[in-house]
Structure formats: C-alpha cells, structure tokens
Amino acid sequence: MENDTVFVGKKPTMSYVLAILTHINSGHDSITLKARGMLVSKAVDISQIVTRKFSKELKVSNVSIGSEEINDKDGNKRMVSFISIELKK
C-alpha cells in the first residue's frame, strides 16, 4: 500500500494542493491531510481549496482533532494540537 498521507509543513499552500491532486489523479480514491500546531489552519485552507476550486468530486469524509505530547528542542515536553482531514471521492 502506498503512502496516502500529506503532512503539512512550511511549503507554499499550492504545493500541497498539487500533491493531493496528483495523488488522486493517479488512481487513488482517498488521501489524508495532517498538520500540527500553527499549521492546523493551513491544512483547513488546503482542504477547502482542493474541494471547492479544483476537485468537485473530492469531499471531506472525516476530520479528527486532538492533542499530543512532543519533546521540543530543549528536551521539554509540551502539548501540541493536531488535525487529520480525510478526503475521498
């Protein structure tokens, strides 16, 4: 099974939109968009751009949110919010 997940980072928004569209156009029926921290809003923006402007056949099928504990650069533990958005045909 191939990797059906796109992790949102610091690249431009349209890079992620293109990655999702390329994945779907290559024959896959679904893809998951994941982001943490301040990039959660960017993931929401990406999912809306894909579903409203580029691919009317894709729909948001599932959204999950939560918090997870991570270690920062100094070795301290902190809680970070995350979002997982599943898009399906």
C-alpha atoms as a PDB file:
ATOM      1  CA  MET A   1       0.000   0.000   0.000  1.00  0.00           C
ATOM      2  CA  GLU A   2       1.289   3.435  -0.895  1.00  0.00           C
ATOM      3  CA  ASN A   3       1.536   6.385   1.444  1.00  0.00           C
ATOM      4  CA  ASP A   4      -1.853   8.143   1.378  1.00  0.00           C
ATOM      5  CA  THR A   5      -0.904  10.948   3.784  1.00  0.00           C
ATOM      6  CA  VAL A   6       0.269  14.503   3.179  1.00  0.00           C
ATOM      7  CA  PHE A   7       1.937  16.202   6.140  1.00  0.00           C
ATOM      8  CA  VAL A   8       1.533  19.986   6.074  1.00  0.00           C
ATOM      9  CA  GLY A   9       4.711  21.976   6.679  1.00  0.00           C
ATOM     10  CA  LYS A  10       6.250  25.254   5.606  1.00  0.00           C
ATOM     11  CA  LYS A  11       5.982  24.844   1.826  1.00  0.00           C
ATOM     12  CA  PRO A  12       3.585  27.101  -0.083  1.00  0.00           C
ATOM     13  CA  THR A  13      -0.093  26.132   0.120  1.00  0.00           C
ATOM     14  CA  MET A  14      -0.364  25.338  -3.580  1.00  0.00           C
ATOM     15  CA  SER A  15       2.425  22.752  -3.277  1.00  0.00           C
ATOM     16  CA  TYR A  16       0.177  20.678  -1.022  1.00  0.00           C
ATOM     17  CA  VAL A  17      -2.851  21.232  -3.267  1.00  0.00           C
ATOM     18  CA  LEU A  18      -0.822  19.929  -6.219  1.00  0.00           C
ATOM     19  CA  ALA A  19       0.396  16.917  -4.217  1.00  0.00           C
ATOM     20  CA  ILE A  20      -3.194  15.985  -3.304  1.00  0.00           C
ATOM     21  CA  LEU A  21      -4.476  16.410  -6.863  1.00  0.00           C
ATOM     22  CA  THR A  22      -1.572  14.397  -8.284  1.00  0.00           C
ATOM     23  CA  HIS A  23      -2.250  11.580  -5.831  1.00  0.00           C
ATOM     24  CA  ILE A  24      -5.985  11.494  -6.621  1.00  0.00           C
ATOM     25  CA  ASN A  25      -5.440  11.741 -10.391  1.00  0.00           C
ATOM     26  CA  SER A  26      -3.062   8.778 -10.263  1.00  0.00           C
ATOM     27  CA  GLY A  27      -5.963   6.484  -9.401  1.00  0.00           C
ATOM     28  CA  HIS A  28      -6.343   6.696  -5.623  1.00  0.00           C
ATOM     29  CA  ASP A  29      -9.749   7.261  -4.029  1.00  0.00           C
ATOM     30  CA  SER A  30      -8.667   8.955  -0.805  1.00  0.00           C
ATOM     31  CA  ILE A  31      -5.908  10.916   0.881  1.00  0.00           C
ATOM     32  CA  THR A  32      -5.336  12.190   4.422  1.00  0.00           C
ATOM     33  CA  LEU A  33      -4.042  15.658   5.216  1.00  0.00           C
ATOM     34  CA  LYS A  34      -2.299  16.039   8.595  1.00  0.00           C
ATOM     35  CA  ALA A  35      -0.969  19.102  10.433  1.00  0.00           C
ATOM     36  CA  ARG A  36       0.146  20.118  13.917  1.00  0.00           C
ATOM     37  CA  GLY A  37       0.317  23.343  15.871  1.00  0.00           C
ATOM     38  CA  MET A  38       0.081  26.613  13.995  1.00  0.00           C
ATOM     39  CA  LEU A  39      -0.233  24.767  10.679  1.00  0.00           C
ATOM     40  CA  VAL A  40      -3.710  23.420  11.517  1.00  0.00           C
ATOM     41  CA  SER A  41      -5.375  26.418   9.859  1.00  0.00           C
ATOM     42  CA  LYS A  42      -3.222  25.923   6.754  1.00  0.00           C
ATOM     43  CA  ALA A  43      -4.448  22.313   6.494  1.00  0.00           C
ATOM     44  CA  VAL A  44      -8.059  23.517   6.639  1.00  0.00           C
ATOM     45  CA  ASP A  45      -7.307  26.074   3.919  1.00  0.00           C
ATOM     46  CA  ILE A  46      -5.702  23.414   1.722  1.00  0.00           C
ATOM     47  CA  SER A  47      -8.666  21.057   2.075  1.00  0.00           C
ATOM     48  CA  GLN A  48     -11.098  23.837   1.169  1.00  0.00           C
ATOM     49  CA  ILE A  49      -9.077  24.939  -1.860  1.00  0.00           C
ATOM     50  CA  VAL A  50      -8.950  21.357  -3.139  1.00  0.00           C
ATOM     51  CA  THR A  51     -12.643  20.583  -2.619  1.00  0.00           C
ATOM     52  CA  ARG A  52     -14.101  23.926  -3.721  1.00  0.00           C
ATOM     53  CA  LYS A  53     -11.862  25.065  -6.561  1.00  0.00           C
ATOM     54  CA  PHE A  54     -10.012  22.125  -8.084  1.00  0.00           C
ATOM     55  CA  SER A  55     -11.867  18.870  -7.492  1.00  0.00           C
ATOM     56  CA  LYS A  56     -15.628  18.919  -7.028  1.00  0.00           C
ATOM     57  CA  GLU A  57     -15.591  15.110  -6.780  1.00  0.00           C
ATOM     58  CA  LEU A  58     -13.482  15.159  -3.581  1.00  0.00           C
ATOM     59  CA  LYS A  59     -15.321  15.580  -0.290  1.00  0.00           C
ATOM     60  CA  VAL A  60     -14.174  15.799   3.313  1.00  0.00           C
ATOM     61  CA  SER A  61     -15.156  12.407   4.732  1.00  0.00           C
ATOM     62  CA  ASN A  62     -13.627  12.552   8.197  1.00  0.00           C
ATOM     63  CA  VAL A  63     -11.952  15.115  10.465  1.00  0.00           C
ATOM     64  CA  SER A  64     -10.218  14.240  13.698  1.00  0.00           C
ATOM     65  CA  ILE A  65      -8.615  16.650  16.124  1.00  0.00           C
ATOM     66  CA  GLY A  66      -6.706  16.291  19.338  1.00  0.00           C
ATOM     67  CA  SER A  67      -3.508  16.999  21.219  1.00  0.00           C
ATOM     68  CA  GLU A  68      -0.328  15.039  21.503  1.00  0.00           C
ATOM     69  CA  GLU A  69       2.721  15.378  23.701  1.00  0.00           C
ATOM     70  CA  ILE A  70       6.007  16.076  21.937  1.00  0.00           C
ATOM     71  CA  ASN A  71       9.552  16.885  23.003  1.00  0.00           C
ATOM     72  CA  ASP A  72      10.847  20.286  21.905  1.00  0.00           C
ATOM     73  CA  LYS A  73      14.458  21.153  21.022  1.00  0.00           C
ATOM     74  CA  ASP A  74      15.374  21.634  24.694  1.00  0.00           C
ATOM     75  CA  GLY A  75      14.029  18.234  25.693  1.00  0.00           C
ATOM     76  CA  ASN A  76      10.942  19.659  27.400  1.00  0.00           C
ATOM     77  CA  LYS A  77       7.594  18.003  26.853  1.00  0.00           C
ATOM     78  CA  ARG A  78       4.677  20.078  25.577  1.00  0.00           C
ATOM     79  CA  MET A  79       1.203  19.547  24.179  1.00  0.00           C
ATOM     80  CA  VAL A  80       0.554  20.329  20.520  1.00  0.00           C
ATOM     81  CA  SER A  81      -2.805  20.330  18.729  1.00  0.00           C
ATOM     82  CA  PHE A  82      -3.243  18.307  15.545  1.00  0.00           C
ATOM     83  CA  ILE A  83      -5.818  17.819  12.810  1.00  0.00           C
ATOM     84  CA  SER A  84      -6.321  14.970  10.373  1.00  0.00           C
ATOM     85  CA  ILE A  85      -8.580  15.610   7.377  1.00  0.00           C
ATOM     86  CA  GLU A  86      -9.584  12.707   5.138  1.00  0.00           C
ATOM     87  CA  LEU A  87     -10.622  13.499   1.570  1.00  0.00           C
ATOM     88  CA  LYS A  88     -12.471  10.896  -0.528  1.00  0.00           C
ATOM     89  CA  LYS A  89     -14.045  10.681  -3.949  1.00  0.00           C
END
